[in-house]
Amino acid sequence: MTDRMEGAVGCYDAVGRRRWLRVARSEGGVRIVVPPGEVAEVGAVEIEQLRRWLARLAAAGPESAIDGDRRPR
């Protein structure tokens, strides 16, 4: 278990390879980590996933955690 709430949202890089955006709580709010040196293209389905994760992370306190929901889907 972790004291940081985090998750992943699927995306594609500039040449069409499947990658993941990582989203996590940070001291200042929400952190989004994109693939290193990449452009992340997020499709319609993934936009909804990203919106849900951002809402969950923004609403969570700094001591919140999610069990079993850390892997990319």
C-alpha atoms as a PDB file:
ATOM      1  CA  MET A   1       0.000   0.000   0.000  1.00  0.00           C
ATOM      2  CA  THR A   2       1.144   3.542  -0.637  1.00  0.00           C
ATOM      3  CA  ASP A   3       0.237   6.847   0.923  1.00  0.00           C
ATOM      4  CA  ARG A   4       0.000   8.379  -2.562  1.00  0.00           C
ATOM      5  CA  MET A   5      -3.051   7.928  -4.742  1.00  0.00           C
ATOM      6  CA  GLU A   6      -1.956   7.177  -8.310  1.00  0.00           C
ATOM      7  CA  GLY A   7      -3.053   5.566 -11.541  1.00  0.00           C
ATOM      8  CA  ALA A   8      -2.443   5.401 -15.283  1.00  0.00           C
ATOM      9  CA  VAL A   9      -4.282   6.393 -18.456  1.00  0.00           C
ATOM     10  CA  GLY A  10      -3.492   4.927 -21.873  1.00  0.00           C
ATOM     11  CA  CYS A  11      -2.211   7.138 -24.689  1.00  0.00           C
ATOM     12  CA  TYR A  12      -0.115   6.934 -27.865  1.00  0.00           C
ATOM     13  CA  ASP A  13       3.208   8.582 -28.598  1.00  0.00           C
ATOM     14  CA  ALA A  14       4.034  10.637 -31.695  1.00  0.00           C
ATOM     15  CA  VAL A  15       4.647   7.498 -33.807  1.00  0.00           C
ATOM     16  CA  GLY A  16       1.617   5.551 -32.608  1.00  0.00           C
ATOM     17  CA  ARG A  17       3.171   3.342 -29.918  1.00  0.00           C
ATOM     18  CA  ARG A  18       1.009   2.580 -26.876  1.00  0.00           C
ATOM     19  CA  ARG A  19       2.225   4.437 -23.775  1.00  0.00           C
ATOM     20  CA  TRP A  20       0.829   5.499 -20.398  1.00  0.00           C
ATOM     21  CA  LEU A  21       0.225   8.811 -18.663  1.00  0.00           C
ATOM     22  CA  ARG A  22       0.827   8.415 -14.940  1.00  0.00           C
ATOM     23  CA  VAL A  23      -1.289  10.529 -12.623  1.00  0.00           C
ATOM     24  CA  ALA A  24      -0.588  10.975  -8.910  1.00  0.00           C
ATOM     25  CA  ARG A  25      -1.289  13.244  -5.973  1.00  0.00           C
ATOM     26  CA  SER A  26       1.496  15.661  -5.133  1.00  0.00           C
ATOM     27  CA  GLU A  27       1.924  18.207  -2.366  1.00  0.00           C
ATOM     28  CA  GLY A  28       0.768  20.964  -4.686  1.00  0.00           C
ATOM     29  CA  GLY A  29      -2.119  19.094  -6.320  1.00  0.00           C
ATOM     30  CA  VAL A  30      -1.985  16.539  -9.131  1.00  0.00           C
ATOM     31  CA  ARG A  31       1.089  15.388 -11.088  1.00  0.00           C
ATOM     32  CA  ILE A  32       0.825  14.055 -14.646  1.00  0.00           C
ATOM     33  CA  VAL A  33       3.896  12.187 -15.897  1.00  0.00           C
ATOM     34  CA  VAL A  34       4.117  11.700 -19.649  1.00  0.00           C
ATOM     35  CA  PRO A  35       6.406   9.198 -21.396  1.00  0.00           C
ATOM     36  CA  PRO A  36       9.987  10.608 -21.355  1.00  0.00           C
ATOM     37  CA  GLY A  37      10.627  12.920 -24.282  1.00  0.00           C
ATOM     38  CA  GLU A  38       7.303  12.017 -25.850  1.00  0.00           C
ATOM     39  CA  VAL A  39       4.085  13.603 -27.001  1.00  0.00           C
ATOM     40  CA  ALA A  40       1.042  11.908 -25.487  1.00  0.00           C
ATOM     41  CA  GLU A  41      -2.032  11.663 -27.713  1.00  0.00           C
ATOM     42  CA  VAL A  42      -5.129  10.871 -25.692  1.00  0.00           C
ATOM     43  CA  GLY A  43      -8.224   9.546 -27.486  1.00  0.00           C
ATOM     44  CA  ALA A  44     -11.884  10.034 -26.601  1.00  0.00           C
ATOM     45  CA  VAL A  45     -12.120   7.001 -24.280  1.00  0.00           C
ATOM     46  CA  GLU A  46      -8.864   7.890 -22.548  1.00  0.00           C
ATOM     47  CA  ILE A  47      -9.968  11.509 -22.098  1.00  0.00           C
ATOM     48  CA  GLU A  48     -12.847  10.262 -19.957  1.00  0.00           C
ATOM     49  CA  GLN A  49     -10.450   8.024 -17.967  1.00  0.00           C
ATOM     50  CA  LEU A  50      -8.106  10.982 -17.465  1.00  0.00           C
ATOM     51  CA  ARG A  51     -11.007  13.201 -16.380  1.00  0.00           C
ATOM     52  CA  ARG A  52     -12.108  10.592 -13.801  1.00  0.00           C
ATOM     53  CA  TRP A  53      -8.571  10.168 -12.434  1.00  0.00           C
ATOM     54  CA  LEU A  54      -8.052  13.920 -12.166  1.00  0.00           C
ATOM     55  CA  ALA A  55     -11.357  14.313 -10.322  1.00  0.00           C
ATOM     56  CA  ARG A  56     -10.503  11.462  -7.918  1.00  0.00           C
ATOM     57  CA  LEU A  57      -7.013  12.775  -7.273  1.00  0.00           C
ATOM     58  CA  ALA A  58      -8.143  16.353  -6.809  1.00  0.00           C
ATOM     59  CA  ALA A  59     -10.817  15.287  -4.318  1.00  0.00           C
ATOM     60  CA  ALA A  60      -8.557  12.965  -2.308  1.00  0.00           C
ATOM     61  CA  GLY A  61      -6.679  14.032   0.764  1.00  0.00           C
ATOM     62  CA  PRO A  62      -2.887  13.618   0.878  1.00  0.00           C
ATOM     63  CA  GLU A  63      -3.192  10.417   2.939  1.00  0.00           C
ATOM     64  CA  SER A  64      -5.576   8.657   0.517  1.00  0.00           C
ATOM     65  CA  ALA A  65      -4.657   5.462  -1.325  1.00  0.00           C
ATOM     66  CA  ILE A  66      -6.266   3.074  -3.769  1.00  0.00           C
ATOM     67  CA  ASP A  67      -5.593  -0.648  -3.351  1.00  0.00           C
ATOM     68  CA  GLY A  68      -5.113  -2.717  -6.485  1.00  0.00           C
ATOM     69  CA  ASP A  69      -5.772   0.158  -8.891  1.00  0.00           C
ATOM     70  CA  ARG A  70      -2.238   1.168  -9.793  1.00  0.00           C
ATOM     71  CA  ARG A  71      -1.686  -0.859 -12.984  1.00  0.00           C
ATOM     72  CA  PRO A  72      -2.359   0.442 -16.440  1.00  0.00           C
ATOM     73  CA  ARG A  73      -5.535  -0.956 -17.961  1.00  0.00           C
END
